[in-house]
Amino acid sequence: MKQGGSPPTGKWAGSPLGGVEAPDPIYLPDPTLRFLATASRFESLAKGHPMAEWLRFIAAVSRAQHAAATSLTLAVPLAQTDLEQAVENRKPPLAPTEQLDPAWRDGLAIMLDSLDHNVTPDGSARAIDELRRNDASAIEAIAHDFLCETIDSREAVAAFYVAAALQVYFTLMAGSLRAKVLRLLPERGLCPCCGSTPVSGIITASGKTPGTRYLYCSLCSTAWNHVRAVCITCASTGALSLRGIEGDSGAVKAEVCDDCHTYAKMLYQSKDLKVDPFADDLASLGLDMMVSDAGWARHAPNPLLLAR
């Protein structure tokens, strides 16, 4: 998706992080920038971080995702009639199904071959070898379990890499669409492209409409506008507040709702122009623990944590 040193200016059709002139409803990802920029941000955040080793590992995974995203060609693009029908019915056109383009597994193979194994944690090498030996049906079964959020603990490590490959696949699919054709869903807290939950939100700091909120899809990397002061889980407007860690930059906050007792991460560009919805979420797990201990449940999991 984006930053590593500066906000991207590629696709993401106008780039909400680079400043927008109007709160356009949907921004699509640029697969050639998304994972590389996130990797750079992870590497920057790892410096002096208590989880530095793990963040560098996720940076390596992000770079392997970039290699897959820039090498993989999808053989079966979304048919125009299917796209139009989904949009007309206010459904996400890329909603995960059991009929994934088999090319996503090629992306998994590219990603595994590109991964810097010098930074992989214990147990990963064995899981990678097993993935390489597995037949297509076994890998598709792991993908199905991940998409249905029914991962078994015995397949958790393998599912981590499958989840990362599926992010590449769905980001490529989303990047092939045109934002002007899409519409926001009635369930505004869900991605208009694939129907997945957001990993976090960013409050913009530049353009003609600073202060606009965009949510970022945890699966296909699409960004979409969501009005502020409204809970993204239950749409409540009267029970929201922000929680943060005292003494930090203030760039990452947890928006908590006392009606549904959930929270979601919000990143503030005004505090740090380089915030990345994927990297900054995983680098602020201390905030998750603090808010969870206080009684709020996360709106939705980060896919790379769900599959860990």
C-alpha atoms as a PDB file:
ATOM      1  CA  MET A   1       0.000   0.000   0.000  1.00  0.00           C
ATOM      2  CA  LYS A   2       2.028   2.840   0.821  1.00  0.00           C
ATOM      3  CA  GLN A   3       4.557   4.644   2.804  1.00  0.00           C
ATOM      4  CA  GLY A   4       8.052   3.768   3.571  1.00  0.00           C
ATOM      5  CA  GLY A   5       9.574   7.177   3.384  1.00  0.00           C
ATOM      6  CA  SER A   6       6.862   9.357   1.919  1.00  0.00           C
ATOM      7  CA  PRO A   7       3.192   9.020   1.028  1.00  0.00           C
ATOM      8  CA  PRO A   8       2.597   7.248  -2.295  1.00  0.00           C
ATOM      9  CA  THR A   9       1.330   9.120  -5.291  1.00  0.00           C
ATOM     10  CA  GLY A  10       0.546   6.171  -7.527  1.00  0.00           C
ATOM     11  CA  LYS A  11      -2.831   4.561  -7.940  1.00  0.00           C
ATOM     12  CA  TRP A  12      -5.068   4.442  -4.925  1.00  0.00           C
ATOM     13  CA  ALA A  13      -6.775   6.693  -7.419  1.00  0.00           C
ATOM     14  CA  GLY A  14      -5.775  10.038  -6.098  1.00  0.00           C
ATOM     15  CA  SER A  15      -4.025   8.730  -3.015  1.00  0.00           C
ATOM     16  CA  PRO A  16      -5.829   9.648   0.195  1.00  0.00           C
ATOM     17  CA  LEU A  17      -2.469   9.716   1.939  1.00  0.00           C
ATOM     18  CA  GLY A  18      -1.056  12.217  -0.489  1.00  0.00           C
ATOM     19  CA  GLY A  19      -3.894  14.668   0.025  1.00  0.00           C
ATOM     20  CA  VAL A  20      -7.250  14.796  -1.741  1.00  0.00           C
ATOM     21  CA  GLU A  21      -9.228  17.704  -3.111  1.00  0.00           C
ATOM     22  CA  ALA A  22     -12.569  16.133  -2.229  1.00  0.00           C
ATOM     23  CA  PRO A  23     -13.578  13.163  -0.093  1.00  0.00           C
ATOM     24  CA  ASP A  24     -13.884  10.715  -2.968  1.00  0.00           C
ATOM     25  CA  PRO A  25     -15.600   7.560  -1.727  1.00  0.00           C
ATOM     26  CA  ILE A  26     -13.175   4.863  -2.885  1.00  0.00           C
ATOM     27  CA  TYR A  27      -9.463   4.599  -3.614  1.00  0.00           C
ATOM     28  CA  LEU A  28      -8.067   1.475  -5.239  1.00  0.00           C
ATOM     29  CA  PRO A  29      -4.596   0.127  -4.430  1.00  0.00           C
ATOM     30  CA  ASP A  30      -1.572   0.243  -6.673  1.00  0.00           C
ATOM     31  CA  PRO A  31      -0.108  -3.282  -6.315  1.00  0.00           C
ATOM     32  CA  THR A  32       3.290  -2.053  -7.503  1.00  0.00           C
ATOM     33  CA  LEU A  33       3.540   0.266  -4.487  1.00  0.00           C
ATOM     34  CA  ARG A  34       1.417  -1.212  -1.731  1.00  0.00           C
ATOM     35  CA  PHE A  35       3.677  -3.927  -0.300  1.00  0.00           C
ATOM     36  CA  LEU A  36       7.019  -2.257  -0.951  1.00  0.00           C
ATOM     37  CA  ALA A  37       5.919   0.896   0.844  1.00  0.00           C
ATOM     38  CA  THR A  38       4.586  -1.106   3.776  1.00  0.00           C
ATOM     39  CA  ALA A  39       7.868  -3.017   3.995  1.00  0.00           C
ATOM     40  CA  SER A  40       9.793   0.254   4.164  1.00  0.00           C
ATOM     41  CA  ARG A  41       7.538   1.527   6.917  1.00  0.00           C
ATOM     42  CA  PHE A  42       8.009  -1.686   8.917  1.00  0.00           C
ATOM     43  CA  GLU A  43      11.771  -1.297   8.632  1.00  0.00           C
ATOM     44  CA  SER A  44      11.553   2.293   9.823  1.00  0.00           C
ATOM     45  CA  LEU A  45       9.297   1.437  12.747  1.00  0.00           C
ATOM     46  CA  ALA A  46      11.538  -1.467  13.801  1.00  0.00           C
ATOM     47  CA  LYS A  47      14.358   0.858  14.811  1.00  0.00           C
ATOM     48  CA  GLY A  48      14.459   0.890  18.600  1.00  0.00           C
ATOM     49  CA  HIS A  49      11.112  -0.944  18.825  1.00  0.00           C
ATOM     50  CA  PRO A  50      10.692  -3.627  21.518  1.00  0.00           C
ATOM     51  CA  MET A  51       9.381  -5.982  18.799  1.00  0.00           C
ATOM     52  CA  ALA A  52      12.106  -5.021  16.317  1.00  0.00           C
ATOM     53  CA  GLU A  53      12.998  -8.578  15.295  1.00  0.00           C
ATOM     54  CA  TRP A  54       9.382  -9.466  14.534  1.00  0.00           C
ATOM     55  CA  LEU A  55       8.741  -6.238  12.645  1.00  0.00           C
ATOM     56  CA  ARG A  56      11.802  -6.886  10.479  1.00  0.00           C
ATOM     57  CA  PHE A  57      10.427 -10.330   9.731  1.00  0.00           C
ATOM     58  CA  ILE A  58       7.077  -8.853   8.661  1.00  0.00           C
ATOM     59  CA  ALA A  59       9.017  -6.340   6.556  1.00  0.00           C
ATOM     60  CA  ALA A  60      10.707  -9.266   4.805  1.00  0.00           C
ATOM     61  CA  VAL A  61       7.312 -10.859   4.207  1.00  0.00           C
ATOM     62  CA  SER A  62       6.037  -7.567   2.773  1.00  0.00           C
ATOM     63  CA  ARG A  63       8.994  -7.445   0.396  1.00  0.00           C
ATOM     64  CA  ALA A  64       8.258 -11.019  -0.681  1.00  0.00           C
ATOM     65  CA  GLN A  65       4.636  -9.960  -1.251  1.00  0.00           C
ATOM     66  CA  HIS A  66       5.948  -7.128  -3.426  1.00  0.00           C
ATOM     67  CA  ALA A  67       7.927  -9.619  -5.496  1.00  0.00           C
ATOM     68  CA  ALA A  68       4.768 -11.673  -6.020  1.00  0.00           C
ATOM     69  CA  ALA A  69       2.582  -8.638  -6.761  1.00  0.00           C
ATOM     70  CA  THR A  70       4.963  -7.390  -9.443  1.00  0.00           C
ATOM     71  CA  SER A  71       5.503 -10.826 -11.040  1.00  0.00           C
ATOM     72  CA  LEU A  72       2.088 -12.456 -10.962  1.00  0.00           C
ATOM     73  CA  THR A  73      -0.341 -12.252 -13.870  1.00  0.00           C
ATOM     74  CA  LEU A  74      -3.965 -13.164 -13.203  1.00  0.00           C
ATOM     75  CA  ALA A  75      -5.400 -15.276 -15.989  1.00  0.00           C
ATOM     76  CA  VAL A  76      -9.061 -14.802 -15.088  1.00  0.00           C
ATOM     77  CA  PRO A  77      -9.997 -11.123 -14.615  1.00  0.00           C
ATOM     78  CA  LEU A  78     -13.392 -10.241 -13.182  1.00  0.00           C
ATOM     79  CA  ALA A  79     -16.005 -10.296 -15.945  1.00  0.00           C
ATOM     80  CA  GLN A  80     -17.609  -6.915 -16.609  1.00  0.00           C
ATOM     81  CA  THR A  81     -21.092  -8.399 -16.313  1.00  0.00           C
ATOM     82  CA  ASP A  82     -20.263  -9.866 -12.894  1.00  0.00           C
ATOM     83  CA  LEU A  83     -18.860  -6.543 -11.746  1.00  0.00           C
ATOM     84  CA  GLU A  84     -21.885  -4.587 -12.911  1.00  0.00           C
ATOM     85  CA  GLN A  85     -24.318  -7.058 -11.368  1.00  0.00           C
ATOM     86  CA  ALA A  86     -22.550  -6.988  -8.003  1.00  0.00           C
ATOM     87  CA  VAL A  87     -22.451  -3.187  -7.940  1.00  0.00           C
ATOM     88  CA  GLU A  88     -26.108  -2.958  -8.948  1.00  0.00           C
ATOM     89  CA  ASN A  89     -27.046  -5.321  -6.113  1.00  0.00           C
ATOM     90  CA  ARG A  90     -24.832  -3.371  -3.650  1.00  0.00           C
ATOM     91  CA  LYS A  91     -22.610  -6.407  -3.158  1.00  0.00           C
ATOM     92  CA  PRO A  92     -18.789  -6.521  -3.071  1.00  0.00           C
ATOM     93  CA  PRO A  93     -17.657  -7.706  -6.528  1.00  0.00           C
ATOM     94  CA  LEU A  94     -14.524  -9.404  -5.173  1.00  0.00           C
ATOM     95  CA  ALA A  95     -16.185 -11.194  -2.257  1.00  0.00           C
ATOM     96  CA  PRO A  96     -14.014 -14.232  -1.460  1.00  0.00           C
ATOM     97  CA  THR A  97     -15.409 -17.456  -2.867  1.00  0.00           C
ATOM     98  CA  GLU A  98     -14.181 -20.980  -3.258  1.00  0.00           C
ATOM     99  CA  GLN A  99     -13.553 -20.236  -6.956  1.00  0.00           C
ATOM    100  CA  LEU A 100     -10.288 -18.365  -6.596  1.00  0.00           C
ATOM    101  CA  ASP A 101      -8.098 -17.977  -9.655  1.00  0.00           C
ATOM    102  CA  PRO A 102      -5.535 -20.802  -9.263  1.00  0.00           C
ATOM    103  CA  ALA A 103      -2.868 -18.210 -10.098  1.00  0.00           C
ATOM    104  CA  TRP A 104      -2.956 -17.082  -6.469  1.00  0.00           C
ATOM    105  CA  ARG A 105      -0.971 -20.218  -5.624  1.00  0.00           C
ATOM    106  CA  ASP A 106       1.700 -19.125  -8.114  1.00  0.00           C
ATOM    107  CA  GLY A 107       1.877 -15.914  -6.123  1.00  0.00           C
ATOM    108  CA  LEU A 108       2.387 -17.972  -2.954  1.00  0.00           C
ATOM    109  CA  ALA A 109       5.264 -19.849  -4.607  1.00  0.00           C
ATOM    110  CA  ILE A 110       6.907 -16.605  -5.770  1.00  0.00           C
ATOM    111  CA  MET A 111       6.510 -15.135  -2.311  1.00  0.00           C
ATOM    112  CA  LEU A 112       8.070 -18.138  -0.566  1.00  0.00           C
ATOM    113  CA  ASP A 113      10.982 -18.200  -3.016  1.00  0.00           C
ATOM    114  CA  SER A 114      11.571 -14.468  -2.503  1.00  0.00           C
ATOM    115  CA  LEU A 115      11.464 -14.501   1.283  1.00  0.00           C
ATOM    116  CA  ASP A 116      14.652 -13.715   3.161  1.00  0.00           C
ATOM    117  CA  HIS A 117      14.929 -16.856   5.260  1.00  0.00           C
ATOM    118  CA  ASN A 118      17.611 -15.312   7.446  1.00  0.00           C
ATOM    119  CA  VAL A 119      14.928 -13.400   9.333  1.00  0.00           C
ATOM    120  CA  THR A 120      12.216 -16.060   9.547  1.00  0.00           C
ATOM    121  CA  PRO A 121      11.300 -17.236  13.059  1.00  0.00           C
ATOM    122  CA  ASP A 122      11.744 -20.767  14.321  1.00  0.00           C
ATOM    123  CA  GLY A 123       9.262 -23.180  12.796  1.00  0.00           C
ATOM    124  CA  SER A 124       8.712 -21.175   9.635  1.00  0.00           C
ATOM    125  CA  ALA A 125      11.238 -23.091   7.553  1.00  0.00           C
ATOM    126  CA  ARG A 126       9.427 -26.334   8.269  1.00  0.00           C
ATOM    127  CA  ALA A 127       6.032 -24.800   7.457  1.00  0.00           C
ATOM    128  CA  ILE A 128       7.397 -23.379   4.194  1.00  0.00           C
ATOM    129  CA  ASP A 129       8.811 -26.774   3.201  1.00  0.00           C
ATOM    130  CA  GLU A 130       5.451 -28.387   3.958  1.00  0.00           C
ATOM    131  CA  LEU A 131       3.624 -25.792   1.881  1.00  0.00           C
ATOM    132  CA  ARG A 132       5.927 -26.490  -1.043  1.00  0.00           C
ATOM    133  CA  ARG A 133       5.223 -30.222  -0.757  1.00  0.00           C
ATOM    134  CA  ASN A 134       1.455 -29.837  -0.387  1.00  0.00           C
ATOM    135  CA  ASP A 135      -0.752 -30.443  -3.380  1.00  0.00           C
ATOM    136  CA  ALA A 136      -3.189 -27.833  -4.676  1.00  0.00           C
ATOM    137  CA  SER A 137      -6.168 -29.196  -2.753  1.00  0.00           C
ATOM    138  CA  ALA A 138      -4.342 -29.018   0.577  1.00  0.00           C
ATOM    139  CA  ILE A 139      -3.266 -25.407  -0.036  1.00  0.00           C
ATOM    140  CA  GLU A 140      -6.759 -24.429  -1.165  1.00  0.00           C
ATOM    141  CA  ALA A 141      -8.135 -25.972   2.039  1.00  0.00           C
ATOM    142  CA  ILE A 142      -5.897 -23.730   4.131  1.00  0.00           C
ATOM    143  CA  ALA A 143      -7.008 -20.724   2.075  1.00  0.00           C
ATOM    144  CA  HIS A 144     -10.648 -21.654   2.628  1.00  0.00           C
ATOM    145  CA  ASP A 145     -10.106 -21.965   6.370  1.00  0.00           C
ATOM    146  CA  PHE A 146      -8.381 -18.592   6.462  1.00  0.00           C
ATOM    147  CA  LEU A 147     -11.109 -16.819   4.504  1.00  0.00           C
ATOM    148  CA  CYS A 148     -13.729 -18.404   6.773  1.00  0.00           C
ATOM    149  CA  GLU A 149     -11.693 -17.564   9.902  1.00  0.00           C
ATOM    150  CA  THR A 150     -11.609 -21.208  10.949  1.00  0.00           C
ATOM    151  CA  ILE A 151      -7.848 -21.693  11.110  1.00  0.00           C
ATOM    152  CA  ASP A 152      -6.767 -24.696  13.155  1.00  0.00           C
ATOM    153  CA  SER A 153      -3.814 -24.120  15.474  1.00  0.00           C
ATOM    154  CA  ARG A 154      -1.931 -26.928  13.722  1.00  0.00           C
ATOM    155  CA  GLU A 155      -1.965 -25.054  10.426  1.00  0.00           C
ATOM    156  CA  ALA A 156      -1.451 -21.558  11.852  1.00  0.00           C
ATOM    157  CA  VAL A 157       2.108 -21.033  10.602  1.00  0.00           C
ATOM    158  CA  ALA A 158       1.300 -22.257   7.095  1.00  0.00           C
ATOM    159  CA  ALA A 159      -1.853 -20.134   7.133  1.00  0.00           C
ATOM    160  CA  PHE A 160       0.242 -17.040   7.838  1.00  0.00           C
ATOM    161  CA  TYR A 161       1.956 -17.379   4.453  1.00  0.00           C
ATOM    162  CA  VAL A 162      -1.271 -18.331   2.717  1.00  0.00           C
ATOM    163  CA  ALA A 163      -2.913 -15.206   4.172  1.00  0.00           C
ATOM    164  CA  ALA A 164      -0.051 -13.061   2.887  1.00  0.00           C
ATOM    165  CA  ALA A 165      -0.399 -14.576  -0.590  1.00  0.00           C
ATOM    166  CA  LEU A 166      -4.153 -13.988  -0.583  1.00  0.00           C
ATOM    167  CA  GLN A 167      -3.534 -10.334   0.259  1.00  0.00           C
ATOM    168  CA  VAL A 168      -1.411 -10.134  -2.891  1.00  0.00           C
ATOM    169  CA  TYR A 169      -4.065 -11.841  -4.995  1.00  0.00           C
ATOM    170  CA  PHE A 170      -6.959  -9.674  -3.816  1.00  0.00           C
ATOM    171  CA  THR A 171      -4.870  -6.499  -4.028  1.00  0.00           C
ATOM    172  CA  LEU A 172      -4.078  -7.320  -7.666  1.00  0.00           C
ATOM    173  CA  MET A 173      -7.752  -7.963  -8.322  1.00  0.00           C
ATOM    174  CA  ALA A 174      -8.810  -4.702  -6.687  1.00  0.00           C
ATOM    175  CA  GLY A 175      -6.117  -2.806  -8.535  1.00  0.00           C
ATOM    176  CA  SER A 176      -7.551  -3.995 -11.857  1.00  0.00           C
ATOM    177  CA  LEU A 177     -10.924  -2.328 -11.218  1.00  0.00           C
ATOM    178  CA  ARG A 178     -12.035   1.273 -11.741  1.00  0.00           C
ATOM    179  CA  ALA A 179     -13.034   3.200  -8.636  1.00  0.00           C
ATOM    180  CA  LYS A 180     -15.717   5.174 -10.465  1.00  0.00           C
ATOM    181  CA  VAL A 181     -17.610   1.960 -11.220  1.00  0.00           C
ATOM    182  CA  LEU A 182     -17.804   0.914  -7.575  1.00  0.00           C
ATOM    183  CA  ARG A 183     -20.199   2.009  -4.857  1.00  0.00           C
ATOM    184  CA  LEU A 184     -19.982   1.983  -1.084  1.00  0.00           C
ATOM    185  CA  LEU A 185     -21.841  -0.860   0.590  1.00  0.00           C
ATOM    186  CA  PRO A 186     -24.865  -0.340   2.850  1.00  0.00           C
ATOM    187  CA  GLU A 187     -22.636  -1.777   5.600  1.00  0.00           C
ATOM    188  CA  ARG A 188     -20.211   1.134   5.524  1.00  0.00           C
ATOM    189  CA  GLY A 189     -17.715  -0.608   7.759  1.00  0.00           C
ATOM    190  CA  LEU A 190     -17.027  -3.250   5.090  1.00  0.00           C
ATOM    191  CA  CYS A 191     -14.822  -2.983   2.017  1.00  0.00           C
ATOM    192  CA  PRO A 192     -16.759  -2.063  -1.135  1.00  0.00           C
ATOM    193  CA  CYS A 193     -14.470  -4.284  -3.220  1.00  0.00           C
ATOM    194  CA  CYS A 194     -14.285  -7.564  -1.306  1.00  0.00           C
ATOM    195  CA  GLY A 195     -16.535  -7.102   1.718  1.00  0.00           C
ATOM    196  CA  SER A 196     -13.738  -7.631   4.239  1.00  0.00           C
ATOM    197  CA  THR A 197     -13.225  -5.637   7.410  1.00  0.00           C
ATOM    198  CA  PRO A 198     -10.712  -2.781   7.654  1.00  0.00           C
ATOM    199  CA  VAL A 199      -7.355  -3.214   9.323  1.00  0.00           C
ATOM    200  CA  SER A 200      -7.310   0.436  10.429  1.00  0.00           C
ATOM    201  CA  GLY A 201      -8.313   3.915   9.369  1.00  0.00           C
ATOM    202  CA  ILE A 202      -6.358   7.029   8.452  1.00  0.00           C
ATOM    203  CA  ILE A 203      -7.415  10.607   9.180  1.00  0.00           C
ATOM    204  CA  THR A 204      -5.943  12.745   6.406  1.00  0.00           C
ATOM    205  CA  ALA A 205      -4.024  15.935   7.117  1.00  0.00           C
ATOM    206  CA  SER A 206      -3.748  17.540   3.684  1.00  0.00           C
ATOM    207  CA  GLY A 207      -5.768  18.448   0.609  1.00  0.00           C
ATOM    208  CA  LYS A 208      -8.900  20.570   0.496  1.00  0.00           C
ATOM    209  CA  THR A 209     -10.666  18.305   2.983  1.00  0.00           C
ATOM    210  CA  PRO A 210      -8.169  17.494   5.734  1.00  0.00           C
ATOM    211  CA  GLY A 211      -9.625  15.414   8.508  1.00  0.00           C
ATOM    212  CA  THR A 212     -11.367  12.964   6.163  1.00  0.00           C
ATOM    213  CA  ARG A 213     -11.371   9.370   7.372  1.00  0.00           C
ATOM    214  CA  TYR A 214     -10.515   6.442   5.114  1.00  0.00           C
ATOM    215  CA  LEU A 215     -10.696   2.817   6.168  1.00  0.00           C
ATOM    216  CA  TYR A 216      -8.237   0.339   4.648  1.00  0.00           C
ATOM    217  CA  CYS A 217      -9.223  -3.178   3.688  1.00  0.00           C
ATOM    218  CA  SER A 218      -7.315  -5.926   5.460  1.00  0.00           C
ATOM    219  CA  LEU A 219      -7.503  -8.208   2.407  1.00  0.00           C
ATOM    220  CA  CYS A 220      -7.554  -6.251  -0.877  1.00  0.00           C
ATOM    221  CA  SER A 221      -5.983  -2.959   0.316  1.00  0.00           C
ATOM    222  CA  THR A 222      -8.839  -0.767  -0.960  1.00  0.00           C
ATOM    223  CA  ALA A 223      -9.473   2.484   0.936  1.00  0.00           C
ATOM    224  CA  TRP A 224     -12.950   3.925   1.374  1.00  0.00           C
ATOM    225  CA  ASN A 225     -14.415   6.973   3.032  1.00  0.00           C
ATOM    226  CA  HIS A 226     -16.265   6.525   6.298  1.00  0.00           C
ATOM    227  CA  VAL A 227     -17.767   9.461   8.155  1.00  0.00           C
ATOM    228  CA  ARG A 228     -16.067  10.265  11.432  1.00  0.00           C
ATOM    229  CA  ALA A 229     -17.759  10.247  14.856  1.00  0.00           C
ATOM    230  CA  VAL A 230     -19.610   7.080  13.845  1.00  0.00           C
ATOM    231  CA  CYS A 231     -18.640   3.643  15.161  1.00  0.00           C
ATOM    232  CA  ILE A 232     -17.507   1.470  12.257  1.00  0.00           C
ATOM    233  CA  THR A 233     -18.907  -1.602  14.022  1.00  0.00           C
ATOM    234  CA  CYS A 234     -22.396  -0.591  15.192  1.00  0.00           C
ATOM    235  CA  ALA A 235     -22.851   2.896  13.643  1.00  0.00           C
ATOM    236  CA  SER A 236     -23.395   4.442  17.071  1.00  0.00           C
ATOM    237  CA  THR A 237     -22.715   8.176  17.301  1.00  0.00           C
ATOM    238  CA  GLY A 238     -22.980   8.910  20.999  1.00  0.00           C
ATOM    239  CA  ALA A 239     -20.549   6.625  22.762  1.00  0.00           C
ATOM    240  CA  LEU A 240     -17.206   7.084  20.977  1.00  0.00           C
ATOM    241  CA  SER A 241     -13.929   8.212  22.498  1.00  0.00           C
ATOM    242  CA  LEU A 242     -10.233   7.897  21.768  1.00  0.00           C
ATOM    243  CA  ARG A 243      -7.627   6.013  23.758  1.00  0.00           C
ATOM    244  CA  GLY A 244      -3.885   6.262  23.311  1.00  0.00           C
ATOM    245  CA  ILE A 245      -0.601   5.508  25.017  1.00  0.00           C
ATOM    246  CA  GLU A 246       0.557   8.417  27.120  1.00  0.00           C
ATOM    247  CA  GLY A 247       3.759  10.002  25.943  1.00  0.00           C
ATOM    248  CA  ASP A 248       3.838   8.623  22.399  1.00  0.00           C
ATOM    249  CA  SER A 249       3.496  10.675  19.210  1.00  0.00           C
ATOM    250  CA  GLY A 250      -0.297  10.485  19.210  1.00  0.00           C
ATOM    251  CA  ALA A 251      -0.296   9.159  15.635  1.00  0.00           C
ATOM    252  CA  VAL A 252      -2.082   5.911  16.571  1.00  0.00           C
ATOM    253  CA  LYS A 253      -5.274   5.941  18.607  1.00  0.00           C
ATOM    254  CA  ALA A 254      -7.922   3.401  19.458  1.00  0.00           C
ATOM    255  CA  GLU A 255     -11.440   4.636  18.758  1.00  0.00           C
ATOM    256  CA  VAL A 256     -13.560   2.857  21.370  1.00  0.00           C
ATOM    257  CA  CYS A 257     -17.332   2.486  21.432  1.00  0.00           C
ATOM    258  CA  ASP A 258     -19.138   2.034  24.726  1.00  0.00           C
ATOM    259  CA  ASP A 259     -22.314   0.882  22.971  1.00  0.00           C
ATOM    260  CA  CYS A 260     -20.897  -2.237  21.299  1.00  0.00           C
ATOM    261  CA  HIS A 261     -17.681  -2.416  23.376  1.00  0.00           C
ATOM    262  CA  THR A 262     -15.400  -2.630  20.339  1.00  0.00           C
ATOM    263  CA  TYR A 263     -12.489  -0.517  19.148  1.00  0.00           C
ATOM    264  CA  ALA A 264     -10.701   0.208  15.881  1.00  0.00           C
ATOM    265  CA  LYS A 265      -7.270   1.702  15.216  1.00  0.00           C
ATOM    266  CA  MET A 266      -7.189   5.221  13.738  1.00  0.00           C
ATOM    267  CA  LEU A 267      -3.971   6.761  12.427  1.00  0.00           C
ATOM    268  CA  TYR A 268      -3.509  10.519  12.300  1.00  0.00           C
ATOM    269  CA  GLN A 269      -1.496  12.010   9.462  1.00  0.00           C
ATOM    270  CA  SER A 270      -1.337  15.306  11.324  1.00  0.00           C
ATOM    271  CA  LYS A 271       0.948  13.565  13.841  1.00  0.00           C
ATOM    272  CA  ASP A 272       2.980  11.558  11.323  1.00  0.00           C
ATOM    273  CA  LEU A 273       2.649  11.923   7.550  1.00  0.00           C
ATOM    274  CA  LYS A 274       4.267   8.518   7.056  1.00  0.00           C
ATOM    275  CA  VAL A 275       1.652   6.425   8.857  1.00  0.00           C
ATOM    276  CA  ASP A 276       0.813   3.206   7.046  1.00  0.00           C
ATOM    277  CA  PRO A 277      -2.482   1.424   7.824  1.00  0.00           C
ATOM    278  CA  PHE A 278      -0.863  -2.012   7.772  1.00  0.00           C
ATOM    279  CA  ALA A 279       2.569  -1.424   9.299  1.00  0.00           C
ATOM    280  CA  ASP A 280       1.483   1.010  12.007  1.00  0.00           C
ATOM    281  CA  ASP A 281      -1.291  -1.326  13.075  1.00  0.00           C
ATOM    282  CA  LEU A 282       1.074  -4.232  13.734  1.00  0.00           C
ATOM    283  CA  ALA A 283       3.682  -1.976  15.315  1.00  0.00           C
ATOM    284  CA  SER A 284       1.186  -0.717  17.911  1.00  0.00           C
ATOM    285  CA  LEU A 285       0.136  -3.998  19.518  1.00  0.00           C
ATOM    286  CA  GLY A 286       0.838  -2.457  22.909  1.00  0.00           C
ATOM    287  CA  LEU A 287      -2.183  -0.212  22.349  1.00  0.00           C
ATOM    288  CA  ASP A 288      -4.280  -3.275  21.502  1.00  0.00           C
ATOM    289  CA  MET A 289      -3.301  -4.925  24.745  1.00  0.00           C
ATOM    290  CA  MET A 290      -4.011  -1.814  26.790  1.00  0.00           C
ATOM    291  CA  VAL A 291      -7.464  -1.282  25.272  1.00  0.00           C
ATOM    292  CA  SER A 292      -8.351  -4.985  25.414  1.00  0.00           C
ATOM    293  CA  ASP A 293      -7.396  -5.138  29.086  1.00  0.00           C
ATOM    294  CA  ALA A 294      -9.747  -2.203  29.665  1.00  0.00           C
ATOM    295  CA  GLY A 295     -12.685  -4.188  28.266  1.00  0.00           C
ATOM    296  CA  TRP A 296     -13.006  -3.404  24.557  1.00  0.00           C
ATOM    297  CA  ALA A 297     -12.762  -6.044  21.829  1.00  0.00           C
ATOM    298  CA  ARG A 298     -11.049  -5.312  18.524  1.00  0.00           C
ATOM    299  CA  HIS A 299     -13.457  -4.555  15.663  1.00  0.00           C
ATOM    300  CA  ALA A 300     -11.785  -7.172  13.458  1.00  0.00           C
ATOM    301  CA  PRO A 301      -8.453  -9.018  13.503  1.00  0.00           C
ATOM    302  CA  ASN A 302      -5.437  -8.209  11.400  1.00  0.00           C
ATOM    303  CA  PRO A 303      -5.219 -11.163   8.963  1.00  0.00           C
ATOM    304  CA  LEU A 304      -1.535 -11.710   9.655  1.00  0.00           C
ATOM    305  CA  LEU A 305      -2.319 -12.039  13.360  1.00  0.00           C
ATOM    306  CA  LEU A 306      -5.383 -14.206  12.766  1.00  0.00           C
ATOM    307  CA  ALA A 307      -3.170 -16.708  10.983  1.00  0.00           C
ATOM    308  CA  ARG A 308      -0.125 -16.544  13.251  1.00  0.00           C
END
